[in-house]
């Protein structure tokens, strides 16, 4: 899978979009460590114009790859569990990773 010009070798169910030296991102990692979350990739948005435009100061953002649903900070363990348990949204066949999904 190719995401923001970065090849991701394995397909994961979730991606955490974050910034370097981001205190909130560090807090999000602690929350995610407390939840039995399936393996996920971390993507740093610096240097990726499209990701910086899309996420700006909203990071950290946990995205479910299958339907591009997003859980935006702030979130806690209960919010992450609800996000993991939520049903998949319907996504059009033309949707691409990195583009907002239509509802």
N, C-alpha and C. Protein backbone atom coordinates (compact mmCIF):
# COMPACT_ATOMS: atom_id res chain seq x y z
N UNK A 1 0.85 -1.16 0.00
CA UNK A 1 0.00 0.00 0.00
C UNK A 1 0.90 1.23 0.00
N UNK A 2 0.52 2.27 -0.72
CA UNK A 2 1.27 3.51 -0.79
C UNK A 2 0.45 4.60 -0.11
N UNK A 3 1.04 5.27 0.86
CA UNK A 3 0.35 6.30 1.60
C UNK A 3 1.27 7.50 1.72
N UNK A 4 0.85 8.61 1.12
CA UNK A 4 1.62 9.86 1.16
C UNK A 4 3.05 9.64 0.68
N UNK A 5 3.20 8.85 -0.38
CA UNK A 5 4.52 8.61 -0.94
C UNK A 5 5.35 7.64 -0.14
N UNK A 6 4.81 7.06 0.90
CA UNK A 6 5.53 6.12 1.76
C UNK A 6 4.93 4.74 1.58
N UNK A 7 5.77 3.79 1.20
CA UNK A 7 5.28 2.43 1.01
C UNK A 7 5.11 1.76 2.36
N UNK A 8 3.93 1.22 2.59
CA UNK A 8 3.65 0.47 3.80
C UNK A 8 3.66 -0.99 3.40
N UNK A 9 4.60 -1.74 3.97
CA UNK A 9 4.84 -3.12 3.56
C UNK A 9 3.67 -4.05 3.90
N UNK A 10 3.08 -3.89 5.04
CA UNK A 10 2.01 -4.79 5.45
C UNK A 10 0.71 -4.01 5.49
N UNK A 11 -0.36 -4.69 5.28
CA UNK A 11 -1.66 -4.04 5.32
C UNK A 11 -2.15 -4.09 6.76
N UNK A 12 -2.35 -2.94 7.34
CA UNK A 12 -2.88 -2.87 8.70
C UNK A 12 -4.30 -2.34 8.64
N UNK A 13 -5.00 -2.54 9.73
CA UNK A 13 -6.39 -2.10 9.77
C UNK A 13 -6.53 -0.64 10.14
N UNK A 14 -5.50 -0.08 10.81
CA UNK A 14 -5.58 1.28 11.32
C UNK A 14 -4.29 2.04 11.05
N UNK A 15 -4.43 3.37 10.94
CA UNK A 15 -3.28 4.26 10.76
C UNK A 15 -3.44 5.41 11.75
N UNK A 16 -2.37 5.72 12.46
CA UNK A 16 -2.36 6.88 13.34
C UNK A 16 -1.57 7.98 12.66
N UNK A 17 -2.25 9.07 12.31
CA UNK A 17 -1.59 10.23 11.71
C UNK A 17 -1.14 11.13 12.85
N UNK A 18 0.14 11.53 12.79
CA UNK A 18 0.69 12.31 13.89
C UNK A 18 1.82 13.21 13.41
N UNK A 19 2.34 14.00 14.33
CA UNK A 19 3.48 14.89 14.06
C UNK A 19 4.63 14.52 14.99
N UNK A 20 5.85 14.87 14.57
CA UNK A 20 7.01 14.74 15.46
C UNK A 20 6.86 15.72 16.60
N UNK A 21 7.40 15.33 17.76
CA UNK A 21 7.42 16.20 18.93
C UNK A 21 6.04 16.77 19.25
N UNK A 22 5.06 15.91 19.20
CA UNK A 22 3.66 16.28 19.46
C UNK A 22 3.23 15.65 20.78
N UNK A 23 3.06 16.48 21.79
CA UNK A 23 2.68 15.99 23.12
C UNK A 23 1.34 15.24 23.07
N UNK A 24 0.40 15.76 22.31
CA UNK A 24 -0.91 15.10 22.20
C UNK A 24 -0.79 13.75 21.52
N UNK A 25 0.12 13.65 20.55
CA UNK A 25 0.35 12.37 19.87
C UNK A 25 0.93 11.35 20.84
N UNK A 26 1.82 11.81 21.72
CA UNK A 26 2.37 10.92 22.75
C UNK A 26 1.26 10.43 23.68
N UNK A 27 0.36 11.34 24.05
CA UNK A 27 -0.77 10.94 24.89
C UNK A 27 -1.67 9.93 24.18
N UNK A 28 -1.90 10.16 22.89
CA UNK A 28 -2.72 9.23 22.11
C UNK A 28 -2.08 7.84 22.07
N UNK A 29 -0.77 7.80 21.93
CA UNK A 29 -0.07 6.50 21.92
C UNK A 29 -0.28 5.77 23.24
N UNK A 30 -0.28 6.50 24.34
CA UNK A 30 -0.54 5.88 25.66
C UNK A 30 -1.95 5.31 25.73
N UNK A 31 -2.91 6.06 25.21
CA UNK A 31 -4.30 5.58 25.19
C UNK A 31 -4.39 4.32 24.34
N UNK A 32 -3.80 4.34 23.16
CA UNK A 32 -3.86 3.18 22.26
C UNK A 32 -3.17 1.96 22.87
N UNK A 33 -2.12 2.18 23.66
CA UNK A 33 -1.42 1.08 24.32
C UNK A 33 -2.30 0.40 25.36
N UNK A 34 -3.29 1.12 25.87
CA UNK A 34 -4.19 0.58 26.90
C UNK A 34 -5.38 -0.17 26.31
N UNK A 35 -5.49 -0.18 24.99
CA UNK A 35 -6.61 -0.82 24.31
C UNK A 35 -6.07 -2.00 23.50
N UNK A 36 -6.78 -3.10 23.47
CA UNK A 36 -6.32 -4.20 22.61
C UNK A 36 -6.56 -3.86 21.14
N UNK A 37 -5.78 -2.90 20.64
CA UNK A 37 -5.91 -2.43 19.26
C UNK A 37 -5.13 -3.35 18.34
N UNK A 38 -5.73 -3.71 17.20
CA UNK A 38 -4.94 -4.47 16.22
C UNK A 38 -3.72 -3.66 15.80
N UNK A 39 -2.77 -4.31 15.21
CA UNK A 39 -1.57 -3.61 14.75
C UNK A 39 -1.95 -2.42 13.88
N UNK A 40 -1.20 -1.32 14.04
CA UNK A 40 -1.48 -0.13 13.24
C UNK A 40 -0.18 0.49 12.77
N UNK A 41 -0.26 1.30 11.74
CA UNK A 41 0.88 2.06 11.24
C UNK A 41 0.81 3.47 11.77
N UNK A 42 1.97 4.08 11.97
CA UNK A 42 2.05 5.50 12.30
C UNK A 42 2.54 6.22 11.07
N UNK A 43 1.88 7.32 10.74
CA UNK A 43 2.29 8.15 9.61
C UNK A 43 2.48 9.56 10.12
N UNK A 44 3.71 10.09 9.94
CA UNK A 44 4.01 11.45 10.34
C UNK A 44 3.70 12.35 9.16
N UNK A 45 2.93 13.40 9.40
CA UNK A 45 2.41 14.20 8.30
C UNK A 45 3.37 15.28 7.82
N UNK A 46 4.42 15.58 8.59
CA UNK A 46 5.37 16.61 8.16
C UNK A 46 5.98 16.25 6.81
N UNK A 47 6.10 17.25 5.97
CA UNK A 47 6.73 17.03 4.67
C UNK A 47 5.81 16.44 3.62
N UNK A 48 4.57 16.18 3.99
CA UNK A 48 3.58 15.64 3.05
C UNK A 48 2.48 16.69 2.93
N UNK A 49 2.58 17.52 1.92
CA UNK A 49 1.68 18.65 1.77
C UNK A 49 0.21 18.26 1.84
N UNK A 50 -0.15 17.18 1.16
CA UNK A 50 -1.56 16.79 1.15
C UNK A 50 -2.04 16.37 2.54
N UNK A 51 -1.20 15.68 3.29
CA UNK A 51 -1.59 15.28 4.64
C UNK A 51 -1.62 16.48 5.59
N UNK A 52 -0.66 17.39 5.44
CA UNK A 52 -0.66 18.59 6.28
C UNK A 52 -1.90 19.44 6.01
N UNK A 53 -2.30 19.53 4.74
CA UNK A 53 -3.52 20.28 4.40
C UNK A 53 -4.75 19.59 4.97
N UNK A 54 -4.77 18.28 4.87
CA UNK A 54 -5.93 17.52 5.31
C UNK A 54 -6.09 17.52 6.83
N UNK A 55 -4.97 17.28 7.55
CA UNK A 55 -5.06 17.12 8.99
C UNK A 55 -4.70 18.37 9.77
N UNK A 56 -3.80 19.20 9.25
CA UNK A 56 -3.41 20.43 9.93
C UNK A 56 -3.09 20.19 11.39
N UNK A 57 -3.81 20.89 12.27
CA UNK A 57 -3.60 20.76 13.71
C UNK A 57 -4.53 19.73 14.35
N UNK A 58 -5.23 18.95 13.54
CA UNK A 58 -6.18 17.96 14.09
C UNK A 58 -5.48 16.73 14.65
N UNK A 59 -4.20 16.55 14.39
CA UNK A 59 -3.52 15.34 14.84
C UNK A 59 -3.42 15.32 16.36
N UNK A 60 -3.44 14.13 16.93
CA UNK A 60 -3.44 12.82 16.30
C UNK A 60 -4.84 12.41 15.81
N UNK A 61 -4.83 11.63 14.74
CA UNK A 61 -6.06 11.10 14.16
C UNK A 61 -5.85 9.61 13.90
N UNK A 62 -6.73 8.78 14.44
CA UNK A 62 -6.71 7.35 14.17
C UNK A 62 -7.70 7.07 13.05
N UNK A 63 -7.23 6.45 11.98
CA UNK A 63 -8.09 6.17 10.84
C UNK A 63 -8.23 4.66 10.65
N UNK A 64 -9.47 4.23 10.42
CA UNK A 64 -9.72 2.83 10.05
C UNK A 64 -9.57 2.77 8.53
N UNK A 65 -8.66 1.95 8.04
CA UNK A 65 -8.33 1.91 6.62
C UNK A 65 -9.50 1.44 5.77
N UNK A 66 -10.27 0.48 6.25
CA UNK A 66 -11.33 -0.12 5.45
C UNK A 66 -12.35 0.88 4.94
N UNK A 67 -12.69 1.86 5.77
CA UNK A 67 -13.70 2.83 5.36
C UNK A 67 -13.27 4.27 5.57
N UNK A 68 -12.04 4.45 6.00
CA UNK A 68 -11.45 5.76 6.23
C UNK A 68 -12.16 6.56 7.31
N UNK A 69 -12.89 5.88 8.19
CA UNK A 69 -13.49 6.55 9.34
C UNK A 69 -12.36 7.06 10.24
N UNK A 70 -12.58 8.20 10.88
CA UNK A 70 -11.54 8.83 11.68
C UNK A 70 -12.00 9.07 13.12
N UNK A 71 -11.08 8.85 14.03
CA UNK A 71 -11.27 9.21 15.42
C UNK A 71 -10.24 10.30 15.71
N UNK A 72 -10.73 11.52 15.95
CA UNK A 72 -9.87 12.69 16.10
C UNK A 72 -9.66 12.96 17.59
N UNK A 73 -8.44 13.31 17.96
CA UNK A 73 -8.12 13.68 19.34
C UNK A 73 -8.96 14.86 19.77
N UNK A 74 -9.45 14.90 20.99
CA UNK A 74 -9.10 14.03 22.11
C UNK A 74 -9.97 12.77 22.14
N UNK A 75 -9.35 11.66 22.52
CA UNK A 75 -10.09 10.42 22.74
C UNK A 75 -9.48 9.68 23.92
N UNK A 76 -10.33 8.86 24.53
CA UNK A 76 -9.89 8.04 25.66
C UNK A 76 -10.10 6.58 25.31
N UNK A 77 -9.81 5.71 26.26
CA UNK A 77 -9.91 4.27 26.03
C UNK A 77 -11.32 3.89 25.60
N UNK A 78 -12.34 4.43 26.26
CA UNK A 78 -13.72 4.09 25.91
C UNK A 78 -14.06 4.54 24.49
N UNK A 79 -13.62 5.73 24.11
CA UNK A 79 -13.88 6.23 22.75
C UNK A 79 -13.21 5.34 21.71
N UNK A 80 -11.99 4.89 21.99
CA UNK A 80 -11.29 4.01 21.05
C UNK A 80 -12.04 2.68 20.93
N UNK A 81 -12.48 2.15 22.04
CA UNK A 81 -13.23 0.87 21.99
C UNK A 81 -14.52 1.02 21.17
N UNK A 82 -15.24 2.14 21.37
CA UNK A 82 -16.46 2.37 20.58
C UNK A 82 -16.12 2.49 19.09
N UNK A 83 -15.02 3.17 18.79
CA UNK A 83 -14.57 3.32 17.40
C UNK A 83 -14.25 1.95 16.78
N UNK A 84 -13.55 1.12 17.53
CA UNK A 84 -13.19 -0.22 17.03
C UNK A 84 -14.42 -1.09 16.80
N UNK A 85 -15.43 -0.91 17.65
CA UNK A 85 -16.65 -1.73 17.57
C UNK A 85 -17.68 -1.19 16.58
N UNK A 86 -17.49 0.03 16.11
CA UNK A 86 -18.47 0.65 15.21
C UNK A 86 -18.49 -0.08 13.87
N UNK A 87 -19.68 -0.19 13.27
CA UNK A 87 -19.76 -0.85 11.96
C UNK A 87 -19.04 -0.03 10.89
N UNK A 88 -18.57 -0.71 9.88
CA UNK A 88 -17.91 -0.05 8.75
C UNK A 88 -18.91 0.82 8.01
N UNK A 89 -18.44 1.98 7.55
CA UNK A 89 -19.26 2.84 6.70
C UNK A 89 -19.12 2.34 5.27
N UNK A 90 -20.10 2.66 4.44
CA UNK A 90 -20.02 2.34 3.02
C UNK A 90 -19.14 3.36 2.35
N UNK A 91 -18.17 2.88 1.57
CA UNK A 91 -17.24 3.75 0.85
C UNK A 91 -17.37 3.47 -0.63
N UNK A 92 -17.38 4.53 -1.43
CA UNK A 92 -17.49 4.35 -2.87
C UNK A 92 -16.24 3.68 -3.42
N UNK A 93 -16.37 3.00 -4.53
CA UNK A 93 -15.26 2.29 -5.15
C UNK A 93 -14.14 3.24 -5.57
N UNK A 94 -14.43 4.52 -5.75
CA UNK A 94 -13.42 5.46 -6.19
C UNK A 94 -12.66 6.10 -5.03
N UNK A 95 -13.01 5.77 -3.79
CA UNK A 95 -12.34 6.35 -2.64
C UNK A 95 -10.89 5.88 -2.60
N UNK A 96 -10.00 6.77 -2.21
CA UNK A 96 -8.59 6.42 -2.11
C UNK A 96 -8.09 6.77 -0.73
N UNK A 97 -7.03 6.07 -0.29
CA UNK A 97 -6.42 6.37 0.99
C UNK A 97 -5.86 7.77 0.92
N UNK A 98 -6.13 8.55 1.93
CA UNK A 98 -5.66 9.93 1.98
C UNK A 98 -6.70 10.92 1.52
N UNK A 99 -7.81 10.43 0.92
CA UNK A 99 -8.89 11.31 0.50
C UNK A 99 -10.06 11.11 1.44
N UNK A 100 -10.77 12.17 1.79
CA UNK A 100 -11.91 12.02 2.68
C UNK A 100 -12.98 11.11 2.08
N UNK A 101 -13.52 10.24 2.90
CA UNK A 101 -14.57 9.34 2.43
C UNK A 101 -15.89 10.09 2.38
N UNK A 102 -16.73 9.72 1.45
CA UNK A 102 -18.07 10.33 1.39
C UNK A 102 -18.98 9.58 2.33
N UNK A 103 -19.93 10.28 2.91
CA UNK A 103 -20.86 9.65 3.86
C UNK A 103 -22.05 9.08 3.16
